[in-house]
PDB file of all heavy atoms in Angstrom:
ATOM      1  N   GLN A   1       0.807  -1.204   0.012  1.00  0.00           N
ATOM      2  CA  GLN A   1      -0.006   0.006  -0.008  1.00  0.00           C
ATOM      3  C   GLN A   1       0.844   1.269   0.000  1.00  0.00           C
ATOM      4  O   GLN A   1       0.498   2.250  -0.668  1.00  0.00           O
ATOM      5  CB  GLN A   1      -0.948   0.009   1.214  1.00  0.00           C
ATOM      6  CG  GLN A   1      -1.971   1.120   1.156  1.00  0.00           C
ATOM      7  CD  GLN A   1      -2.984   1.047   2.270  1.00  0.00           C
ATOM      8  OE1 GLN A   1      -2.788   0.369   3.281  1.00  0.00           O
ATOM      9  NE2 GLN A   1      -4.115   1.720   2.093  1.00  0.00           N
ATOM     10  N   GLY A   2       1.950   1.256   0.727  1.00  0.00           N
ATOM     11  CA  GLY A   2       2.804   2.433   0.768  1.00  0.00           C
ATOM     12  C   GLY A   2       3.339   2.786  -0.620  1.00  0.00           C
ATOM     13  O   GLY A   2       3.311   3.944  -1.065  1.00  0.00           O
ATOM     14  N   ALA A   3       3.821   1.776  -1.331  1.00  0.00           N
ATOM     15  CA  ALA A   3       4.342   2.002  -2.677  1.00  0.00           C
ATOM     16  C   ALA A   3       3.250   2.469  -3.625  1.00  0.00           C
ATOM     17  O   ALA A   3       3.463   3.331  -4.480  1.00  0.00           O
ATOM     18  CB  ALA A   3       4.977   0.730  -3.209  1.00  0.00           C
ATOM     19  N   ALA A   4       2.040   1.908  -3.488  1.00  0.00           N
ATOM     20  CA  ALA A   4       0.949   2.317  -4.352  1.00  0.00           C
ATOM     21  C   ALA A   4       0.540   3.758  -4.097  1.00  0.00           C
ATOM     22  O   ALA A   4       0.280   4.509  -5.050  1.00  0.00           O
ATOM     23  CB  ALA A   4      -0.250   1.370  -4.135  1.00  0.00           C
ATOM     24  N   LEU A   5       0.496   4.160  -2.842  1.00  0.00           N
ATOM     25  CA  LEU A   5       0.208   5.560  -2.541  1.00  0.00           C
ATOM     26  C   LEU A   5       1.264   6.494  -3.093  1.00  0.00           C
ATOM     27  O   LEU A   5       0.955   7.566  -3.627  1.00  0.00           O
ATOM     28  CB  LEU A   5       0.051   5.759  -1.022  1.00  0.00           C
ATOM     29  CG  LEU A   5      -1.220   5.238  -0.388  1.00  0.00           C
ATOM     30  CD1 LEU A   5      -1.186   5.484   1.118  1.00  0.00           C
ATOM     31  CD2 LEU A   5      -2.469   5.900  -0.994  1.00  0.00           C
ATOM     32  N   GLN A   6       2.541   6.096  -2.985  1.00  0.00           N
ATOM     33  CA  GLN A   6       3.616   6.928  -3.515  1.00  0.00           C
ATOM     34  C   GLN A   6       3.455   7.110  -5.018  1.00  0.00           C
ATOM     35  O   GLN A   6       3.641   8.208  -5.570  1.00  0.00           O
ATOM     36  CB  GLN A   6       4.974   6.326  -3.201  1.00  0.00           C
ATOM     37  CG  GLN A   6       6.167   7.165  -3.659  1.00  0.00           C
ATOM     38  CD  GLN A   6       6.256   8.485  -2.944  1.00  0.00           C
ATOM     39  OE1 GLN A   6       6.406   8.546  -1.727  1.00  0.00           O
ATOM     40  NE2 GLN A   6       6.195   9.583  -3.697  1.00  0.00           N
ATOM     41  N   THR A   7       3.086   6.036  -5.723  1.00  0.00           N
ATOM     42  CA  THR A   7       2.856   6.138  -7.163  1.00  0.00           C
ATOM     43  C   THR A   7       1.723   7.095  -7.474  1.00  0.00           C
ATOM     44  O   THR A   7       1.846   7.974  -8.358  1.00  0.00           O
ATOM     45  CB  THR A   7       2.519   4.738  -7.736  1.00  0.00           C
ATOM     46  OG1 THR A   7       3.667   3.906  -7.618  1.00  0.00           O
ATOM     47  CG2 THR A   7       2.108   4.818  -9.187  1.00  0.00           C
ATOM     48  N   GLY A   8       0.608   6.975  -6.763  1.00  0.00           N
ATOM     49  CA  GLY A   8      -0.544   7.849  -7.005  1.00  0.00           C
ATOM     50  C   GLY A   8      -0.258   9.298  -6.667  1.00  0.00           C
ATOM     51  O   GLY A   8      -0.662  10.207  -7.380  1.00  0.00           O
ATOM     52  N   ILE A   9       0.410   9.515  -5.529  1.00  0.00           N
ATOM     53  CA  ILE A   9       0.723  10.906  -5.121  1.00  0.00           C
ATOM     54  C   ILE A   9       1.664  11.553  -6.121  1.00  0.00           C
ATOM     55  O   ILE A   9       1.482  12.713  -6.497  1.00  0.00           O
ATOM     56  CB  ILE A   9       1.338  10.897  -3.700  1.00  0.00           C
ATOM     57  CG1 ILE A   9       0.279  10.507  -2.662  1.00  0.00           C
ATOM     58  CG2 ILE A   9       1.937  12.246  -3.350  1.00  0.00           C
ATOM     59  CD1 ILE A   9       0.821  10.212  -1.265  1.00  0.00           C
ATOM     60  N   ALA A  10       2.682  10.806  -6.556  1.00  0.00           N
ATOM     61  CA  ALA A  10       3.621  11.351  -7.542  1.00  0.00           C
ATOM     62  C   ALA A  10       2.925  11.702  -8.839  1.00  0.00           C
ATOM     63  O   ALA A  10       3.187  12.751  -9.455  1.00  0.00           O
ATOM     64  CB  ALA A  10       4.765  10.349  -7.793  1.00  0.00           C
ATOM     65  N   TRP A  11       1.999  10.860  -9.277  1.00  0.00           N
ATOM     66  CA  TRP A  11       1.235  11.128 -10.500  1.00  0.00           C
ATOM     67  C   TRP A  11       0.407  12.401 -10.339  1.00  0.00           C
ATOM     68  O   TRP A  11       0.365  13.265 -11.227  1.00  0.00           O
ATOM     69  CB  TRP A  11       0.329   9.956 -10.822  1.00  0.00           C
ATOM     70  CG  TRP A  11      -0.469  10.129 -12.086  1.00  0.00           C
ATOM     71  CD1 TRP A  11      -0.128   9.714 -13.351  1.00  0.00           C
ATOM     72  CD2 TRP A  11      -1.731  10.789 -12.223  1.00  0.00           C
ATOM     73  NE1 TRP A  11      -1.081  10.090 -14.254  1.00  0.00           N
ATOM     74  CE2 TRP A  11      -2.091  10.740 -13.595  1.00  0.00           C
ATOM     75  CE3 TRP A  11      -2.604  11.390 -11.320  1.00  0.00           C
ATOM     76  CZ2 TRP A  11      -3.266  11.287 -14.068  1.00  0.00           C
ATOM     77  CZ3 TRP A  11      -3.781  11.958 -11.794  1.00  0.00           C
ATOM     78  CH2 TRP A  11      -4.116  11.907 -13.158  1.00  0.00           C
ATOM     79  N   ALA A  12      -0.259  12.553  -9.176  1.00  0.00           N
ATOM     80  CA  ALA A  12      -1.113  13.726  -8.949  1.00  0.00           C
ATOM     81  C   ALA A  12      -0.280  15.010  -8.924  1.00  0.00           C
ATOM     82  O   ALA A  12      -0.703  16.046  -9.432  1.00  0.00           O
ATOM     83  CB  ALA A  12      -1.870  13.563  -7.662  1.00  0.00           C
ATOM     84  N   CYS A  13       0.922  14.950  -8.349  1.00  0.00           N
ATOM     85  CA  CYS A  13       1.786  16.115  -8.304  1.00  0.00           C
ATOM     86  C   CYS A  13       2.239  16.505  -9.715  1.00  0.00           C
ATOM     87  O   CYS A  13       2.227  17.677 -10.083  1.00  0.00           O
ATOM     88  CB  CYS A  13       3.011  15.834  -7.418  1.00  0.00           C
ATOM     89  SG  CYS A  13       2.608  15.774  -5.642  1.00  0.00           S
ATOM     90  N   ARG A  14       2.598  15.509 -10.516  1.00  0.00           N
ATOM     91  CA  ARG A  14       3.010  15.792 -11.896  1.00  0.00           C
ATOM     92  C   ARG A  14       1.860  16.369 -12.714  1.00  0.00           C
ATOM     93  O   ARG A  14       2.053  17.172 -13.618  1.00  0.00           O
ATOM     94  CB  ARG A  14       3.553  14.534 -12.577  1.00  0.00           C
ATOM     95  CG  ARG A  14       4.897  14.057 -12.051  1.00  0.00           C
ATOM     96  CD  ARG A  14       5.514  13.042 -12.966  1.00  0.00           C
ATOM     97  NE  ARG A  14       4.677  11.870 -13.171  1.00  0.00           N
ATOM     98  CZ  ARG A  14       4.722  10.771 -12.401  1.00  0.00           C
ATOM     99  NH1 ARG A  14       5.570  10.727 -11.382  1.00  0.00           N
ATOM    100  NH2 ARG A  14       3.930   9.744 -12.652  1.00  0.00           N
ATOM    101  N   ALA A  15       0.651  15.935 -12.382  1.00  0.00           N
ATOM    102  CA  ALA A  15      -0.539  16.409 -13.109  1.00  0.00           C
ATOM    103  C   ALA A  15      -0.955  17.812 -12.688  1.00  0.00           C
ATOM    104  O   ALA A  15      -1.839  18.399 -13.333  1.00  0.00           O
ATOM    105  CB  ALA A  15      -1.678  15.427 -12.924  1.00  0.00           C
ATOM    106  N   GLY A  16      -0.357  18.338 -11.635  1.00  0.00           N
ATOM    107  CA  GLY A  16      -0.606  19.737 -11.263  1.00  0.00           C
ATOM    108  C   GLY A  16      -1.779  19.962 -10.319  1.00  0.00           C
ATOM    109  O   GLY A  16      -2.258  21.109 -10.234  1.00  0.00           O
ATOM    110  N   PHE A  17      -2.235  18.948  -9.619  1.00  0.00           N
ATOM    111  CA  PHE A  17      -3.342  19.144  -8.662  1.00  0.00           C
ATOM    112  C   PHE A  17      -2.870  19.941  -7.458  1.00  0.00           C
ATOM    113  O   PHE A  17      -1.718  19.823  -7.021  1.00  0.00           O
ATOM    114  CB  PHE A  17      -3.908  17.805  -8.226  1.00  0.00           C
ATOM    115  CG  PHE A  17      -4.728  17.109  -9.275  1.00  0.00           C
ATOM    116  CD1 PHE A  17      -4.168  16.132 -10.079  1.00  0.00           C
ATOM    117  CD2 PHE A  17      -6.045  17.473  -9.480  1.00  0.00           C
ATOM    118  CE1 PHE A  17      -4.929  15.508 -11.074  1.00  0.00           C
ATOM    119  CE2 PHE A  17      -6.799  16.865 -10.469  1.00  0.00           C
ATOM    120  CZ  PHE A  17      -6.247  15.888 -11.268  1.00  0.00           C
ATOM    121  N   ASP A  18      -3.773  20.739  -6.871  1.00  0.00           N
ATOM    122  CA  ASP A  18      -3.447  21.565  -5.695  1.00  0.00           C
ATOM    123  C   ASP A  18      -3.365  20.738  -4.441  1.00  0.00           C
ATOM    124  O   ASP A  18      -2.621  21.060  -3.511  1.00  0.00           O
ATOM    125  CB  ASP A  18      -4.485  22.669  -5.514  1.00  0.00           C
ATOM    126  CG  ASP A  18      -4.455  23.712  -6.617  1.00  0.00           C
ATOM    127  OD1 ASP A  18      -3.431  23.784  -7.327  1.00  0.00           O
ATOM    128  OD2 ASP A  18      -5.437  24.462  -6.737  1.00  0.00           O
ATOM    129  N   HIS A  19      -4.174  19.668  -4.358  1.00  0.00           N
ATOM    130  CA  HIS A  19      -4.243  18.822  -3.166  1.00  0.00           C
ATOM    131  C   HIS A  19      -4.362  17.369  -3.564  1.00  0.00           C
ATOM    132  O   HIS A  19      -4.882  17.042  -4.633  1.00  0.00           O
ATOM    133  CB  HIS A  19      -5.442  19.209  -2.297  1.00  0.00           C
ATOM    134  CG  HIS A  19      -5.392  20.605  -1.754  1.00  0.00           C
ATOM    135  ND1 HIS A  19      -5.956  21.676  -2.422  1.00  0.00           N
ATOM    136  CD2 HIS A  19      -4.814  21.121  -0.627  1.00  0.00           C
ATOM    137  CE1 HIS A  19      -5.758  22.775  -1.712  1.00  0.00           C
ATOM    138  NE2 HIS A  19      -5.069  22.470  -0.640  1.00  0.00           N
ATOM    139  N   VAL A  20      -3.881  16.499  -2.678  1.00  0.00           N
ATOM    140  CA  VAL A  20      -4.020  15.065  -2.852  1.00  0.00           C
ATOM    141  C   VAL A  20      -4.743  14.512  -1.634  1.00  0.00           C
ATOM    142  O   VAL A  20      -4.364  14.788  -0.495  1.00  0.00           O
ATOM    143  CB  VAL A  20      -2.638  14.371  -2.995  1.00  0.00           C
ATOM    144  CG1 VAL A  20      -2.816  12.866  -3.153  1.00  0.00           C
ATOM    145  CG2 VAL A  20      -1.870  14.959  -4.172  1.00  0.00           C
ATOM    146  N   VAL A  21      -5.776  13.718  -1.864  1.00  0.00           N
ATOM    147  CA  VAL A  21      -6.520  13.068  -0.819  1.00  0.00           C
ATOM    148  C   VAL A  21      -6.188  11.582  -0.875  1.00  0.00           C
ATOM    149  O   VAL A  21      -6.330  10.959  -1.915  1.00  0.00           O
ATOM    150  CB  VAL A  21      -8.050  13.253  -1.007  1.00  0.00           C
ATOM    151  CG1 VAL A  21      -8.813  12.532   0.111  1.00  0.00           C
ATOM    152  CG2 VAL A  21      -8.416  14.733  -1.033  1.00  0.00           C
ATOM    153  N   THR A  22      -5.736  11.012   0.244  1.00  0.00           N
ATOM    154  CA  THR A  22      -5.523   9.560   0.273  1.00  0.00           C
ATOM    155  C   THR A  22      -6.776   8.925   0.908  1.00  0.00           C
ATOM    156  O   THR A  22      -7.287   9.390   1.911  1.00  0.00           O
ATOM    157  CB  THR A  22      -4.271   9.169   1.072  1.00  0.00           C
ATOM    158  OG1 THR A  22      -4.408   9.520   2.450  1.00  0.00           O
ATOM    159  CG2 THR A  22      -3.042   9.865   0.504  1.00  0.00           C
ATOM    160  N   PHE A  23      -7.251   7.855   0.272  1.00  0.00           N
ATOM    161  CA  PHE A  23      -8.580   7.310   0.564  1.00  0.00           C
ATOM    162  C   PHE A  23      -8.499   5.807   0.454  1.00  0.00           C
ATOM    163  O   PHE A  23      -7.947   5.261  -0.512  1.00  0.00           O
ATOM    164  CB  PHE A  23      -9.533   7.870  -0.495  1.00  0.00           C
ATOM    165  CG  PHE A  23     -10.987   7.872  -0.144  1.00  0.00           C
ATOM    166  CD1 PHE A  23     -11.560   8.955   0.515  1.00  0.00           C
ATOM    167  CD2 PHE A  23     -11.813   6.813  -0.511  1.00  0.00           C
ATOM    168  CE1 PHE A  23     -12.909   8.983   0.823  1.00  0.00           C
ATOM    169  CE2 PHE A  23     -13.166   6.821  -0.221  1.00  0.00           C
ATOM    170  CZ  PHE A  23     -13.723   7.912   0.455  1.00  0.00           C
ATOM    171  N   ASP A  24      -9.036   5.096   1.436  1.00  0.00           N
ATOM    172  CA  ASP A  24      -8.950   3.631   1.431  1.00  0.00           C
ATOM    173  C   ASP A  24      -9.929   3.000   0.438  1.00  0.00           C
ATOM    174  O   ASP A  24     -10.982   3.572   0.120  1.00  0.00           O
ATOM    175  CB  ASP A  24      -9.227   3.068   2.833  1.00  0.00           C
ATOM    176  CG  ASP A  24      -8.031   3.249   3.768  1.00  0.00           C
ATOM    177  OD1 ASP A  24      -6.983   3.758   3.308  1.00  0.00           O
ATOM    178  OD2 ASP A  24      -8.157   2.907   4.944  1.00  0.00           O
ATOM    179  N   ALA A  25      -9.573   1.800  -0.015  1.00  0.00           N
ATOM    180  CA  ALA A  25     -10.362   1.134  -1.052  1.00  0.00           C
ATOM    181  C   ALA A  25     -11.441   0.211  -0.493  1.00  0.00           C
ATOM    182  O   ALA A  25     -12.201  -0.383  -1.274  1.00  0.00           O
ATOM    183  CB  ALA A  25      -9.392   0.293  -1.925  1.00  0.00           C
ATOM    184  N   ASP A  26     -11.507   0.052   0.815  1.00  0.00           N
ATOM    185  CA  ASP A  26     -12.397  -0.956   1.392  1.00  0.00           C
ATOM    186  C   ASP A  26     -13.746  -0.422   1.876  1.00  0.00           C
ATOM    187  O   ASP A  26     -14.500  -1.127   2.535  1.00  0.00           O
ATOM    188  CB  ASP A  26     -11.692  -1.683   2.545  1.00  0.00           C
ATOM    189  CG  ASP A  26     -11.247  -0.726   3.653  1.00  0.00           C
ATOM    190  OD1 ASP A  26     -11.616   0.459   3.610  1.00  0.00           O
ATOM    191  OD2 ASP A  26     -10.513  -1.176   4.554  1.00  0.00           O
ATOM    192  N   GLY A  27     -14.036   0.845   1.578  1.00  0.00           N
ATOM    193  CA  GLY A  27     -15.348   1.388   1.936  1.00  0.00           C
ATOM    194  C   GLY A  27     -15.425   1.986   3.325  1.00  0.00           C
ATOM    195  O   GLY A  27     -16.519   2.379   3.768  1.00  0.00           O
ATOM    196  N   GLN A  28     -14.315   2.104   4.026  1.00  0.00           N
ATOM    197  CA  GLN A  28     -14.335   2.644   5.394  1.00  0.00           C
ATOM    198  C   GLN A  28     -14.529   4.158   5.423  1.00  0.00           C
ATOM    199  O   GLN A  28     -15.040   4.696   6.396  1.00  0.00           O
ATOM    200  CB  GLN A  28     -13.039   2.307   6.124  1.00  0.00           C
ATOM    201  CG  GLN A  28     -12.926   0.885   6.586  1.00  0.00           C
ATOM    202  CD  GLN A  28     -11.740   0.686   7.534  1.00  0.00           C
ATOM    203  OE1 GLN A  28     -10.798   1.459   7.545  1.00  0.00           O
ATOM    204  NE2 GLN A  28     -11.795  -0.361   8.322  1.00  0.00           N
ATOM    205  N   HIS A  29     -14.095   4.873   4.375  1.00  0.00           N
ATOM    206  CA  HIS A  29     -14.062   6.314   4.395  1.00  0.00           C
ATOM    207  C   HIS A  29     -15.264   6.938   3.721  1.00  0.00           C
ATOM    208  O   HIS A  29     -15.889   6.322   2.815  1.00  0.00           O
ATOM    209  CB  HIS A  29     -12.778   6.838   3.741  1.00  0.00           C
ATOM    210  CG  HIS A  29     -11.547   6.469   4.469  1.00  0.00           C
ATOM    211  ND1 HIS A  29     -10.300   6.395   3.877  1.00  0.00           N
ATOM    212  CD2 HIS A  29     -11.345   6.119   5.769  1.00  0.00           C
ATOM    213  CE1 HIS A  29      -9.414   6.047   4.768  1.00  0.00           C
ATOM    214  NE2 HIS A  29     -10.012   5.871   5.919  1.00  0.00           N
ATOM    215  N   ARG A  30     -15.582   8.173   4.115  1.00  0.00           N
ATOM    216  CA  ARG A  30     -16.668   8.935   3.516  1.00  0.00           C
ATOM    217  C   ARG A  30     -16.124  10.147   2.775  1.00  0.00           C
ATOM    218  O   ARG A  30     -15.331  10.919   3.326  1.00  0.00           O
ATOM    219  CB  ARG A  30     -17.653   9.432   4.590  1.00  0.00           C
ATOM    220  CG  ARG A  30     -18.184   8.337   5.508  1.00  0.00           C
ATOM    221  CD  ARG A  30     -19.334   8.876   6.357  1.00  0.00           C
ATOM    222  NE  ARG A  30     -19.026  10.195   6.906  1.00  0.00           N
ATOM    223  CZ  ARG A  30     -19.939  11.078   7.322  1.00  0.00           C
ATOM    224  NH1 ARG A  30     -21.225  10.768   7.208  1.00  0.00           N
ATOM    225  NH2 ARG A  30     -19.586  12.236   7.815  1.00  0.00           N
ATOM    226  N   PRO A  31     -16.538  10.357   1.527  1.00  0.00           N
ATOM    227  CA  PRO A  31     -16.063  11.538   0.820  1.00  0.00           C
ATOM    228  C   PRO A  31     -16.465  12.851   1.468  1.00  0.00           C
ATOM    229  O   PRO A  31     -15.770  13.851   1.347  1.00  0.00           O
ATOM    230  CB  PRO A  31     -16.682  11.378  -0.593  1.00  0.00           C
ATOM    231  CG  PRO A  31     -17.770  10.385  -0.428  1.00  0.00           C
ATOM    232  CD  PRO A  31     -17.385   9.487   0.692  1.00  0.00           C
ATOM    233  N   GLU A  32     -17.591  12.861   2.199  1.00  0.00           N
ATOM    234  CA  GLU A  32     -17.996  14.069   2.928  1.00  0.00           C
ATOM    235  C   GLU A  32     -16.943  14.481   3.926  1.00  0.00           C
ATOM    236  O   GLU A  32     -16.652  15.679   4.113  1.00  0.00           O
ATOM    237  CB  GLU A  32     -19.330  13.850   3.621  1.00  0.00           C
ATOM    238  CG  GLU A  32     -20.529  13.728   2.710  1.00  0.00           C
ATOM    239  CD  GLU A  32     -20.712  12.327   2.145  1.00  0.00           C
ATOM    240  OE1 GLU A  32     -19.913  11.422   2.496  1.00  0.00           O
ATOM    241  OE2 GLU A  32     -21.650  12.126   1.344  1.00  0.00           O
ATOM    242  N   ASP A  33     -16.335  13.501   4.596  1.00  0.00           N
ATOM    243  CA  ASP A  33     -15.275  13.807   5.570  1.00  0.00           C
ATOM    244  C   ASP A  33     -14.040  14.363   4.848  1.00  0.00           C
ATOM    245  O   ASP A  33     -13.392  15.319   5.334  1.00  0.00           O
ATOM    246  CB  ASP A  33     -14.892  12.548   6.367  1.00  0.00           C
ATOM    247  CG  ASP A  33     -15.987  12.120   7.312  1.00  0.00           C
ATOM    248  OD1 ASP A  33     -16.788  12.963   7.725  1.00  0.00           O
ATOM    249  OD2 ASP A  33     -16.027  10.912   7.658  1.00  0.00           O
ATOM    250  N   ALA A  34     -13.706  13.786   3.707  1.00  0.00           N
ATOM    251  CA  ALA A  34     -12.543  14.284   2.948  1.00  0.00           C
ATOM    252  C   ALA A  34     -12.770  15.719   2.507  1.00  0.00           C
ATOM    253  O   ALA A  34     -11.855  16.560   2.574  1.00  0.00           O
ATOM    254  CB  ALA A  34     -12.295  13.379   1.733  1.00  0.00           C
ATOM    255  N   ALA A  35     -13.991  16.043   2.055  1.00  0.00           N
ATOM    256  CA  ALA A  35     -14.283  17.408   1.614  1.00  0.00           C
ATOM    257  C   ALA A  35     -14.208  18.369   2.782  1.00  0.00           C
ATOM    258  O   ALA A  35     -13.695  19.492   2.642  1.00  0.00           O
ATOM    259  CB  ALA A  35     -15.686  17.451   0.987  1.00  0.00           C
ATOM    260  N   GLU A  36     -14.684  17.974   3.954  1.00  0.00           N
ATOM    261  CA  GLU A  36     -14.588  18.849   5.135  1.00  0.00           C
ATOM    262  C   GLU A  36     -13.137  19.032   5.563  1.00  0.00           C
ATOM    263  O   GLU A  36     -12.727  20.138   5.968  1.00  0.00           O
ATOM    264  CB  GLU A  36     -15.401  18.235   6.267  1.00  0.00           C
ATOM    265  CG  GLU A  36     -15.291  18.965   7.603  1.00  0.00           C
ATOM    266  CD  GLU A  36     -15.780  20.423   7.571  1.00  0.00           C
ATOM    267  OE1 GLU A  36     -16.481  20.808   6.615  1.00  0.00           O
ATOM    268  OE2 GLU A  36     -15.442  21.161   8.524  1.00  0.00           O
ATOM    269  N   MET A  37     -12.338  17.980   5.463  1.00  0.00           N
ATOM    270  CA  MET A  37     -10.904  18.103   5.785  1.00  0.00           C
ATOM    271  C   MET A  37     -10.212  19.091   4.831  1.00  0.00           C
ATOM    272  O   MET A  37      -9.384  19.892   5.259  1.00  0.00           O
ATOM    273  CB  MET A  37     -10.237  16.736   5.719  1.00  0.00           C
ATOM    274  CG  MET A  37     -10.655  15.806   6.838  1.00  0.00           C
ATOM    275  SD  MET A  37     -10.134  14.086   6.549  1.00  0.00           S
ATOM    276  CE  MET A  37      -8.347  14.269   6.499  1.00  0.00           C
ATOM    277  N   LEU A  38     -10.549  18.994   3.570  1.00  0.00           N
ATOM    278  CA  LEU A  38      -9.978  19.889   2.577  1.00  0.00           C
ATOM    279  C   LEU A  38     -10.358  21.337   2.889  1.00  0.00           C
ATOM    280  O   LEU A  38      -9.510  22.262   2.796  1.00  0.00           O
ATOM    281  CB  LEU A  38     -10.445  19.500   1.170  1.00  0.00           C
ATOM    282  CG  LEU A  38      -9.993  20.376  -0.003  1.00  0.00           C
ATOM    283  CD1 LEU A  38      -8.481  20.483  -0.050  1.00  0.00           C
ATOM    284  CD2 LEU A  38     -10.521  19.808  -1.306  1.00  0.00           C
ATOM    285  N   ARG A  39     -11.603  21.555   3.264  1.00  0.00           N
ATOM    286  CA  ARG A  39     -12.045  22.919   3.626  1.00  0.00           C
ATOM    287  C   ARG A  39     -11.291  23.418   4.834  1.00  0.00           C
ATOM    288  O   ARG A  39     -10.833  24.571   4.860  1.00  0.00           O
ATOM    289  CB  ARG A  39     -13.551  22.901   3.905  1.00  0.00           C
ATOM    290  CG  ARG A  39     -14.139  24.269   4.186  1.00  0.00           C
ATOM    291  CD  ARG A  39     -15.554  24.191   4.729  1.00  0.00           C
ATOM    292  NE  ARG A  39     -15.593  23.564   6.045  1.00  0.00           N
ATOM    293  CZ  ARG A  39     -15.321  24.217   7.170  1.00  0.00           C
ATOM    294  NH1 ARG A  39     -14.931  25.485   7.153  1.00  0.00           N
ATOM    295  NH2 ARG A  39     -15.385  23.592   8.338  1.00  0.00           N
ATOM    296  N   ARG A  40     -11.162  22.595   5.864  1.00  0.00           N
ATOM    297  CA  ARG A  40     -10.448  23.006   7.063  1.00  0.00           C
ATOM    298  C   ARG A  40      -8.982  23.313   6.777  1.00  0.00           C
ATOM    299  O   ARG A  40      -8.435  24.295   7.293  1.00  0.00           O
ATOM    300  CB  ARG A  40     -10.540  21.899   8.144  1.00  0.00           C
ATOM    301  CG  ARG A  40     -11.877  21.767   8.789  1.00  0.00           C
ATOM    302  CD  ARG A  40     -11.801  20.787   9.944  1.00  0.00           C
ATOM    303  NE  ARG A  40     -13.096  20.625  10.587  1.00  0.00           N
ATOM    304  CZ  ARG A  40     -13.265  20.506  11.890  1.00  0.00           C
ATOM    305  NH1 ARG A  40     -12.225  20.555  12.709  1.00  0.00           N
ATOM    306  NH2 ARG A  40     -14.469  20.357  12.396  1.00  0.00           N
ATOM    307  N   LEU A  41      -8.362  22.457   5.979  1.00  0.00           N
ATOM    308  CA  LEU A  41      -6.968  22.673   5.640  1.00  0.00           C
ATOM    309  C   LEU A  41      -6.810  24.033   4.983  1.00  0.00           C
ATOM    310  O   LEU A  41      -5.885  24.809   5.325  1.00  0.00           O
ATOM    311  CB  LEU A  41      -6.500  21.551   4.712  1.00  0.00           C
ATOM    312  CG  LEU A  41      -5.061  21.619   4.193  1.00  0.00           C
ATOM    313  CD1 LEU A  41      -4.481  20.230   4.038  1.00  0.00           C
ATOM    314  CD2 LEU A  41      -4.979  22.337   2.844  1.00  0.00           C
ATOM    315  N   HIS A  42      -7.675  24.356   4.053  1.00  0.00           N
ATOM    316  CA  HIS A  42      -7.559  25.623   3.327  1.00  0.00           C
ATOM    317  C   HIS A  42      -7.811  26.795   4.267  1.00  0.00           C
ATOM    318  O   HIS A  42      -7.086  27.780   4.242  1.00  0.00           O
ATOM    319  CB  HIS A  42      -8.521  25.664   2.169  1.00  0.00           C
ATOM    320  CG  HIS A  42      -8.333  26.838   1.272  1.00  0.00           C
ATOM    321  ND1 HIS A  42      -7.302  26.949   0.373  1.00  0.00           N
ATOM    322  CD2 HIS A  42      -9.037  28.005   1.175  1.00  0.00           C
ATOM    323  CE1 HIS A  42      -7.379  28.114  -0.257  1.00  0.00           C
ATOM    324  NE2 HIS A  42      -8.433  28.763   0.219  1.00  0.00           N
ATOM    325  N   GLU A  43      -8.843  26.690   5.103  1.00  0.00           N
ATOM    326  CA  GLU A  43      -9.149  27.772   6.020  1.00  0.00           C
ATOM    327  C   GLU A  43      -8.032  28.014   7.012  1.00  0.00           C
ATOM    328  O   GLU A  43      -7.742  29.166   7.374  1.00  0.00           O
ATOM    329  CB  GLU A  43     -10.456  27.496   6.760  1.00  0.00           C
ATOM    330  CG  GLU A  43     -11.712  27.656   5.887  1.00  0.00           C
ATOM    331  CD  GLU A  43     -12.982  27.578   6.704  1.00  0.00           C
ATOM    332  OE1 GLU A  43     -12.910  27.166   7.891  1.00  0.00           O
ATOM    333  OE2 GLU A  43     -14.048  27.890   6.153  1.00  0.00           O
ATOM    334  N   GLN A  44      -7.404  26.934   7.488  1.00  0.00           N
ATOM    335  CA  GLN A  44      -6.351  27.054   8.497  1.00  0.00           C
ATOM    336  C   GLN A  44      -5.015  27.396   7.881  1.00  0.00           C
ATOM    337  O   GLN A  44      -4.063  27.734   8.603  1.00  0.00           O
ATOM    338  CB  GLN A  44      -6.229  25.746   9.276  1.00  0.00           C
ATOM    339  CG  GLN A  44      -7.442  25.389  10.144  1.00  0.00           C
ATOM    340  CD  GLN A  44      -7.533  26.248  11.384  1.00  0.00           C
ATOM    341  OE1 GLN A  44      -6.562  26.859  11.818  1.00  0.00           O
ATOM    342  NE2 GLN A  44      -8.711  26.328  11.982  1.00  0.00           N
ATOM    343  N   GLY A  45      -4.889  27.318   6.563  1.00  0.00           N
ATOM    344  CA  GLY A  45      -3.608  27.567   5.926  1.00  0.00           C
ATOM    345  C   GLY A  45      -2.598  26.479   6.195  1.00  0.00           C
ATOM    346  O   GLY A  45      -1.389  26.733   6.202  1.00  0.00           O
ATOM    347  N   ALA A  46      -3.077  25.258   6.478  1.00  0.00           N
ATOM    348  CA  ALA A  46      -2.191  24.161   6.807  1.00  0.00           C
ATOM    349  C   ALA A  46      -1.761  23.408   5.520  1.00  0.00           C
ATOM    350  O   ALA A  46      -2.344  23.584   4.469  1.00  0.00           O
ATOM    351  CB  ALA A  46      -2.862  23.173   7.777  1.00  0.00           C
TER     352      ALA A  46
END
């Protein structure tokens, strides 16, 4: 999984995205939480 994430993150950086969200494949995560995290990150300047 670590190597796979590194591949995906590197691709996203080369593609010019402003942010990268890491998300599990097994259905544990909610996109609503990811969107709220992105909003908080931007508001906090983190």
